[in-house]
Amino acid sequence: PAEPRHREALEITARTEAAIADVLHNK
């Protein structure tokens, strides 16, 4: 996770999961 591309991919995954969770919760 310290490797820059890996860290970036993890951040994208976390943002995507947060967006999915928001949709599920808000709906």
Full PDB file with SEQRES, HELIX, SHEET, SSBOND, CRYST1, ORIGX, SCALE, CONECT and MASTER records, all heavy atoms in Angstrom:
SEQRES   1 A   27  PRO ALA GLU PRO ARG HIS ARG GLU ALA LEU GLU ILE THR          
SEQRES   2 A   27  ALA ARG THR GLU ALA ALA ILE ALA ASP VAL LEU HIS ASN          
SEQRES   3 A   27  LYS                                                          
HELIX    1 AA1 PRO A    4  ASN A   26  1                                  23    
CRYST1    1.000    1.000    1.000  90.00  90.00  90.00 P 1           1          
ORIGX1      1.000000  0.000000  0.000000        0.00000                         
ORIGX2      0.000000  1.000000  0.000000        0.00000                         
ORIGX3      0.000000  0.000000  1.000000        0.00000                         
SCALE1      1.000000  0.000000  0.000000        0.00000                         
SCALE2      0.000000  1.000000  0.000000        0.00000                         
SCALE3      0.000000  0.000000  1.000000        0.00000                         
ATOM      1  N   PRO A   1       0.798  -1.224   0.000  1.00  0.00           N  
ATOM      2  CA  PRO A   1       0.000   0.000   0.000  1.00  0.00           C  
ATOM      3  C   PRO A   1       0.833   1.278   0.000  1.00  0.00           C  
ATOM      4  O   PRO A   1       0.314   2.351  -0.262  1.00  0.00           O  
ATOM      5  CB  PRO A   1      -0.859  -0.104   1.263  1.00  0.00           C  
ATOM      6  CG  PRO A   1      -0.291  -1.194   2.066  1.00  0.00           C  
ATOM      7  CD  PRO A   1       0.582  -2.033   1.183  1.00  0.00           C  
ATOM      8  N   ALA A   2       2.132   1.148   0.259  1.00  0.00           N  
ATOM      9  CA  ALA A   2       2.999   2.322   0.209  1.00  0.00           C  
ATOM     10  C   ALA A   2       3.403   2.662  -1.223  1.00  0.00           C  
ATOM     11  O   ALA A   2       3.849   3.768  -1.500  1.00  0.00           O  
ATOM     12  CB  ALA A   2       4.241   2.097   1.063  1.00  0.00           C  
ATOM     13  N   GLU A   3       3.244   1.708  -2.137  1.00  0.00           N  
ATOM     14  CA  GLU A   3       3.576   1.958  -3.545  1.00  0.00           C  
ATOM     15  C   GLU A   3       2.531   2.918  -4.101  1.00  0.00           C  
ATOM     16  O   GLU A   3       1.327   2.733  -3.902  1.00  0.00           O  
ATOM     17  CB  GLU A   3       3.565   0.619  -4.301  1.00  0.00           C  
ATOM     18  CG  GLU A   3       4.175   0.662  -5.681  1.00  0.00           C  
ATOM     19  CD  GLU A   3       3.186   1.115  -6.743  1.00  0.00           C  
ATOM     20  OE1 GLU A   3       2.032   0.706  -6.706  1.00  0.00           O  
ATOM     21  OE2 GLU A   3       3.596   1.917  -7.596  1.00  0.00           O  
ATOM     22  N   PRO A   4       2.958   3.992  -4.784  1.00  0.00           N  
ATOM     23  CA  PRO A   4       2.024   5.053  -5.203  1.00  0.00           C  
ATOM     24  C   PRO A   4       0.824   4.572  -6.024  1.00  0.00           C  
ATOM     25  O   PRO A   4      -0.298   4.982  -5.762  1.00  0.00           O  
ATOM     26  CB  PRO A   4       2.903   6.004  -6.017  1.00  0.00           C  
ATOM     27  CG  PRO A   4       4.284   5.775  -5.513  1.00  0.00           C  
ATOM     28  CD  PRO A   4       4.338   4.328  -5.121  1.00  0.00           C  
ATOM     29  N   ARG A   5       1.021   3.732  -7.010  1.00  0.00           N  
ATOM     30  CA  ARG A   5      -0.102   3.269  -7.838  1.00  0.00           C  
ATOM     31  C   ARG A   5      -1.059   2.403  -7.021  1.00  0.00           C  
ATOM     32  O   ARG A   5      -2.268   2.474  -7.184  1.00  0.00           O  
ATOM     33  CB  ARG A   5       0.407   2.492  -9.045  1.00  0.00           C  
ATOM     34  CG  ARG A   5       1.195   3.341  -9.990  1.00  0.00           C  
ATOM     35  CD  ARG A   5       0.388   3.542 -11.244  1.00  0.00           C  
ATOM     36  NE  ARG A   5       1.212   4.196 -12.236  1.00  0.00           N  
ATOM     37  CZ  ARG A   5       0.951   5.399 -12.702  1.00  0.00           C  
ATOM     38  NH1 ARG A   5      -0.089   6.053 -12.272  1.00  0.00           N  
ATOM     39  NH2 ARG A   5       1.733   5.938 -13.607  1.00  0.00           N  
ATOM     40  N   HIS A   6      -0.498   1.588  -6.147  1.00  0.00           N  
ATOM     41  CA  HIS A   6      -1.327   0.749  -5.291  1.00  0.00           C  
ATOM     42  C   HIS A   6      -2.152   1.621  -4.350  1.00  0.00           C  
ATOM     43  O   HIS A   6      -3.356   1.404  -4.181  1.00  0.00           O  
ATOM     44  CB  HIS A   6      -0.449  -0.223  -4.501  1.00  0.00           C  
ATOM     45  CG  HIS A   6      -1.229  -1.140  -3.629  1.00  0.00           C  
ATOM     46  ND1 HIS A   6      -1.833  -2.274  -4.097  1.00  0.00           N  
ATOM     47  CD2 HIS A   6      -1.525  -1.077  -2.304  1.00  0.00           C  
ATOM     48  CE1 HIS A   6      -2.458  -2.878  -3.112  1.00  0.00           C  
ATOM     49  NE2 HIS A   6      -2.283  -2.170  -2.007  1.00  0.00           N  
ATOM     50  N   ARG A   7      -1.522   2.595  -3.747  1.00  0.00           N  
ATOM     51  CA  ARG A   7      -2.214   3.503  -2.828  1.00  0.00           C  
ATOM     52  C   ARG A   7      -3.337   4.229  -3.569  1.00  0.00           C  
ATOM     53  O   ARG A   7      -4.454   4.355  -3.069  1.00  0.00           O  
ATOM     54  CB  ARG A   7      -1.222   4.498  -2.208  1.00  0.00           C  
ATOM     55  CG  ARG A   7      -1.840   5.408  -1.169  1.00  0.00           C  
ATOM     56  CD  ARG A   7      -0.828   6.293  -0.462  1.00  0.00           C  
ATOM     57  NE  ARG A   7       0.077   6.991  -1.369  1.00  0.00           N  
ATOM     58  CZ  ARG A   7       1.372   6.692  -1.551  1.00  0.00           C  
ATOM     59  NH1 ARG A   7       1.914   5.692  -0.889  1.00  0.00           N  
ATOM     60  NH2 ARG A   7       2.111   7.376  -2.388  1.00  0.00           N  
ATOM     61  N   GLU A   8      -3.057   4.685  -4.783  1.00  0.00           N  
ATOM     62  CA  GLU A   8      -4.068   5.376  -5.594  1.00  0.00           C  
ATOM     63  C   GLU A   8      -5.246   4.444  -5.896  1.00  0.00           C  
ATOM     64  O   GLU A   8      -6.412   4.847  -5.790  1.00  0.00           O  
ATOM     65  CB  GLU A   8      -3.444   5.869  -6.898  1.00  0.00           C  
ATOM     66  CG  GLU A   8      -4.394   6.601  -7.805  1.00  0.00           C  
ATOM     67  CD  GLU A   8      -3.720   7.035  -9.101  1.00  0.00           C  
ATOM     68  OE1 GLU A   8      -2.480   7.094  -9.168  1.00  0.00           O  
ATOM     69  OE2 GLU A   8      -4.463   7.307 -10.049  1.00  0.00           O  
ATOM     70  N   ALA A   9      -4.968   3.202  -6.241  1.00  0.00           N  
ATOM     71  CA  ALA A   9      -6.035   2.236  -6.524  1.00  0.00           C  
ATOM     72  C   ALA A   9      -6.873   1.975  -5.269  1.00  0.00           C  
ATOM     73  O   ALA A   9      -8.105   1.880  -5.349  1.00  0.00           O  
ATOM     74  CB  ALA A   9      -5.445   0.935  -7.054  1.00  0.00           C  
ATOM     75  N   LEU A  10      -6.234   1.880  -4.121  1.00  0.00           N  
ATOM     76  CA  LEU A  10      -6.969   1.685  -2.873  1.00  0.00           C  
ATOM     77  C   LEU A  10      -7.859   2.885  -2.560  1.00  0.00           C  
ATOM     78  O   LEU A  10      -8.992   2.728  -2.086  1.00  0.00           O  
ATOM     79  CB  LEU A  10      -6.007   1.420  -1.718  1.00  0.00           C  
ATOM     80  CG  LEU A  10      -5.265   0.085  -1.759  1.00  0.00           C  
ATOM     81  CD1 LEU A  10      -4.231   0.021  -0.639  1.00  0.00           C  
ATOM     82  CD2 LEU A  10      -6.229  -1.075  -1.677  1.00  0.00           C  
ATOM     83  N   GLU A  11      -7.359   4.087  -2.841  1.00  0.00           N  
ATOM     84  CA  GLU A  11      -8.155   5.295  -2.612  1.00  0.00           C  
ATOM     85  C   GLU A  11      -9.365   5.339  -3.530  1.00  0.00           C  
ATOM     86  O   GLU A  11     -10.471   5.691  -3.102  1.00  0.00           O  
ATOM     87  CB  GLU A  11      -7.286   6.540  -2.798  1.00  0.00           C  
ATOM     88  CG  GLU A  11      -6.263   6.719  -1.693  1.00  0.00           C  
ATOM     89  CD  GLU A  11      -5.211   7.773  -2.003  1.00  0.00           C  
ATOM     90  OE1 GLU A  11      -5.246   8.390  -3.090  1.00  0.00           O  
ATOM     91  OE2 GLU A  11      -4.328   7.970  -1.148  1.00  0.00           O  
ATOM     92  N   ILE A  12      -9.186   4.964  -4.792  1.00  0.00           N  
ATOM     93  CA  ILE A  12     -10.304   4.915  -5.742  1.00  0.00           C  
ATOM     94  C   ILE A  12     -11.327   3.886  -5.272  1.00  0.00           C  
ATOM     95  O   ILE A  12     -12.543   4.139  -5.296  1.00  0.00           O  
ATOM     96  CB  ILE A  12      -9.802   4.598  -7.161  1.00  0.00           C  
ATOM     97  CG1 ILE A  12      -9.003   5.774  -7.701  1.00  0.00           C  
ATOM     98  CG2 ILE A  12     -10.969   4.249  -8.096  1.00  0.00           C  
ATOM     99  CD1 ILE A  12      -8.229   5.466  -8.967  1.00  0.00           C  
ATOM    100  N   THR A  13     -10.845   2.732  -4.833  1.00  0.00           N  
ATOM    101  CA  THR A  13     -11.741   1.688  -4.334  1.00  0.00           C  
ATOM    102  C   THR A  13     -12.521   2.188  -3.128  1.00  0.00           C  
ATOM    103  O   THR A  13     -13.742   1.987  -3.039  1.00  0.00           O  
ATOM    104  CB  THR A  13     -10.936   0.425  -3.972  1.00  0.00           C  
ATOM    105  OG1 THR A  13     -10.262  -0.043  -5.141  1.00  0.00           O  
ATOM    106  CG2 THR A  13     -11.825  -0.670  -3.426  1.00  0.00           C  
ATOM    107  N   ALA A  14     -11.869   2.858  -2.211  1.00  0.00           N  
ATOM    108  CA  ALA A  14     -12.542   3.370  -1.014  1.00  0.00           C  
ATOM    109  C   ALA A  14     -13.597   4.408  -1.374  1.00  0.00           C  
ATOM    110  O   ALA A  14     -14.710   4.392  -0.820  1.00  0.00           O  
ATOM    111  CB  ALA A  14     -11.515   3.963  -0.047  1.00  0.00           C  
ATOM    112  N   ARG A  15     -13.273   5.306  -2.313  1.00  0.00           N  
ATOM    113  CA  ARG A  15     -14.258   6.322  -2.739  1.00  0.00           C  
ATOM    114  C   ARG A  15     -15.448   5.666  -3.434  1.00  0.00           C  
ATOM    115  O   ARG A  15     -16.595   6.064  -3.226  1.00  0.00           O  
ATOM    116  CB  ARG A  15     -13.603   7.360  -3.653  1.00  0.00           C  
ATOM    117  CG  ARG A  15     -12.679   8.316  -2.917  1.00  0.00           C  
ATOM    118  CD  ARG A  15     -12.309   9.539  -3.752  1.00  0.00           C  
ATOM    119  NE  ARG A  15     -11.814   9.239  -5.082  1.00  0.00           N  
ATOM    120  CZ  ARG A  15     -10.532   9.084  -5.406  1.00  0.00           C  
ATOM    121  NH1 ARG A  15      -9.599   9.208  -4.488  1.00  0.00           N  
ATOM    122  NH2 ARG A  15     -10.184   8.828  -6.648  1.00  0.00           N  
ATOM    123  N   THR A  16     -15.179   4.657  -4.246  1.00  0.00           N  
ATOM    124  CA  THR A  16     -16.255   3.949  -4.935  1.00  0.00           C  
ATOM    125  C   THR A  16     -17.156   3.245  -3.932  1.00  0.00           C  
ATOM    126  O   THR A  16     -18.394   3.326  -4.029  1.00  0.00           O  
ATOM    127  CB  THR A  16     -15.672   2.942  -5.949  1.00  0.00           C  
ATOM    128  OG1 THR A  16     -14.858   3.647  -6.880  1.00  0.00           O  
ATOM    129  CG2 THR A  16     -16.766   2.192  -6.681  1.00  0.00           C  
ATOM    130  N   GLU A  17     -16.564   2.566  -2.970  1.00  0.00           N  
ATOM    131  CA  GLU A  17     -17.354   1.884  -1.946  1.00  0.00           C  
ATOM    132  C   GLU A  17     -18.179   2.879  -1.140  1.00  0.00           C  
ATOM    133  O   GLU A  17     -19.341   2.607  -0.810  1.00  0.00           O  
ATOM    134  CB  GLU A  17     -16.461   1.049  -1.043  1.00  0.00           C  
ATOM    135  CG  GLU A  17     -15.920  -0.176  -1.733  1.00  0.00           C  
ATOM    136  CD  GLU A  17     -14.979  -0.991  -0.866  1.00  0.00           C  
ATOM    137  OE1 GLU A  17     -14.786  -0.657   0.327  1.00  0.00           O  
ATOM    138  OE2 GLU A  17     -14.428  -1.985  -1.387  1.00  0.00           O  
ATOM    139  N   ALA A  18     -17.606   4.030  -0.816  1.00  0.00           N  
ATOM    140  CA  ALA A  18     -18.354   5.052  -0.068  1.00  0.00           C  
ATOM    141  C   ALA A  18     -19.542   5.556  -0.889  1.00  0.00           C  
ATOM    142  O   ALA A  18     -20.638   5.758  -0.349  1.00  0.00           O  
ATOM    143  CB  ALA A  18     -17.425   6.208   0.311  1.00  0.00           C  
ATOM    144  N   ALA A  19     -19.342   5.748  -2.185  1.00  0.00           N  
ATOM    145  CA  ALA A  19     -20.432   6.205  -3.052  1.00  0.00           C  
ATOM    146  C   ALA A  19     -21.540   5.160  -3.136  1.00  0.00           C  
ATOM    147  O   ALA A  19     -22.734   5.488  -3.062  1.00  0.00           O  
ATOM    148  CB  ALA A  19     -19.903   6.529  -4.451  1.00  0.00           C  
ATOM    149  N   ILE A  20     -21.160   3.896  -3.258  1.00  0.00           N  
ATOM    150  CA  ILE A  20     -22.153   2.813  -3.296  1.00  0.00           C  
ATOM    151  C   ILE A  20     -22.923   2.762  -1.978  1.00  0.00           C  
ATOM    152  O   ILE A  20     -24.153   2.657  -1.965  1.00  0.00           O  
ATOM    153  CB  ILE A  20     -21.474   1.465  -3.605  1.00  0.00           C  
ATOM    154  CG1 ILE A  20     -20.919   1.460  -5.025  1.00  0.00           C  
ATOM    155  CG2 ILE A  20     -22.450   0.303  -3.403  1.00  0.00           C  
ATOM    156  CD1 ILE A  20     -19.983   0.300  -5.324  1.00  0.00           C  
ATOM    157  N   ALA A  21     -22.211   2.853  -0.871  1.00  0.00           N  
ATOM    158  CA  ALA A  21     -22.854   2.826   0.450  1.00  0.00           C  
ATOM    159  C   ALA A  21     -23.824   3.991   0.598  1.00  0.00           C  
ATOM    160  O   ALA A  21     -24.938   3.824   1.115  1.00  0.00           O  
ATOM    161  CB  ALA A  21     -21.808   2.847   1.559  1.00  0.00           C  
ATOM    162  N   ASP A  22     -23.427   5.173   0.142  1.00  0.00           N  
ATOM    163  CA  ASP A  22     -24.315   6.340   0.219  1.00  0.00           C  
ATOM    164  C   ASP A  22     -25.593   6.115  -0.569  1.00  0.00           C  
ATOM    165  O   ASP A  22     -26.684   6.435  -0.095  1.00  0.00           O  
ATOM    166  CB  ASP A  22     -23.610   7.591  -0.298  1.00  0.00           C  
ATOM    167  CG  ASP A  22     -22.576   8.134   0.667  1.00  0.00           C  
ATOM    168  OD1 ASP A  22     -22.567   7.717   1.845  1.00  0.00           O  
ATOM    169  OD2 ASP A  22     -21.764   8.977   0.226  1.00  0.00           O  
ATOM    170  N   VAL A  23     -25.479   5.573  -1.770  1.00  0.00           N  
ATOM    171  CA  VAL A  23     -26.667   5.310  -2.592  1.00  0.00           C  
ATOM    172  C   VAL A  23     -27.579   4.309  -1.890  1.00  0.00           C  
ATOM    173  O   VAL A  23     -28.795   4.527  -1.783  1.00  0.00           O  
ATOM    174  CB  VAL A  23     -26.275   4.814  -4.003  1.00  0.00           C  
ATOM    175  CG1 VAL A  23     -27.479   4.269  -4.755  1.00  0.00           C  
ATOM    176  CG2 VAL A  23     -25.607   5.926  -4.795  1.00  0.00           C  
ATOM    177  N   LEU A  24     -27.005   3.213  -1.408  1.00  0.00           N  
ATOM    178  CA  LEU A  24     -27.811   2.196  -0.729  1.00  0.00           C  
ATOM    179  C   LEU A  24     -28.507   2.763   0.500  1.00  0.00           C  
ATOM    180  O   LEU A  24     -29.688   2.500   0.744  1.00  0.00           O  
ATOM    181  CB  LEU A  24     -26.945   0.998  -0.339  1.00  0.00           C  
ATOM    182  CG  LEU A  24     -26.404   0.164  -1.492  1.00  0.00           C  
ATOM    183  CD1 LEU A  24     -25.395  -0.846  -0.972  1.00  0.00           C  
ATOM    184  CD2 LEU A  24     -27.534  -0.527  -2.230  1.00  0.00           C  
ATOM    185  N   HIS A  25     -27.788   3.565   1.265  1.00  0.00           N  
ATOM    186  CA  HIS A  25     -28.357   4.138   2.481  1.00  0.00           C  
ATOM    187  C   HIS A  25     -29.395   5.207   2.141  1.00  0.00           C  
ATOM    188  O   HIS A  25     -30.505   5.202   2.688  1.00  0.00           O  
ATOM    189  CB  HIS A  25     -27.242   4.719   3.359  1.00  0.00           C  
ATOM    190  CG  HIS A  25     -27.749   5.328   4.617  1.00  0.00           C  
ATOM    191  ND1 HIS A  25     -28.292   4.585   5.641  1.00  0.00           N  
ATOM    192  CD2 HIS A  25     -27.817   6.619   5.014  1.00  0.00           C  
ATOM    193  CE1 HIS A  25     -28.657   5.394   6.615  1.00  0.00           C  
ATOM    194  NE2 HIS A  25     -28.385   6.633   6.268  1.00  0.00           N  
ATOM    195  N   ASN A  26     -29.065   6.113   1.234  1.00  0.00           N  
ATOM    196  CA  ASN A  26     -29.962   7.217   0.899  1.00  0.00           C  
ATOM    197  C   ASN A  26     -31.235   6.758   0.198  1.00  0.00           C  
ATOM    198  O   ASN A  26     -32.266   7.420   0.289  1.00  0.00           O  
ATOM    199  CB  ASN A  26     -29.239   8.266   0.050  1.00  0.00           C  
ATOM    200  CG  ASN A  26     -28.161   8.979   0.834  1.00  0.00           C  
ATOM    201  OD1 ASN A  26     -28.188   9.029   2.054  1.00  0.00           O  
ATOM    202  ND2 ASN A  26     -27.184   9.519   0.131  1.00  0.00           N  
ATOM    203  N   LYS A  27     -31.169   5.646  -0.505  1.00  0.00           N  
ATOM    204  CA  LYS A  27     -32.358   5.109  -1.184  1.00  0.00           C  
ATOM    205  C   LYS A  27     -33.177   4.223  -0.253  1.00  0.00           C  
ATOM    206  O   LYS A  27     -34.167   3.630  -0.668  1.00  0.00           O  
ATOM    207  CB  LYS A  27     -31.957   4.303  -2.431  1.00  0.00           C  
ATOM    208  CG  LYS A  27     -31.281   5.112  -3.502  1.00  0.00           C  
ATOM    209  CD  LYS A  27     -32.287   5.940  -4.254  1.00  0.00           C  
ATOM    210  CE  LYS A  27     -31.606   6.668  -5.394  1.00  0.00           C  
ATOM    211  NZ  LYS A  27     -32.526   7.490  -6.145  1.00  0.00           N  
TER     212      LYS A  27                                                      
MASTER        0    0    0    1    0    0    0    6  211    1    0    3          
END                                                                             
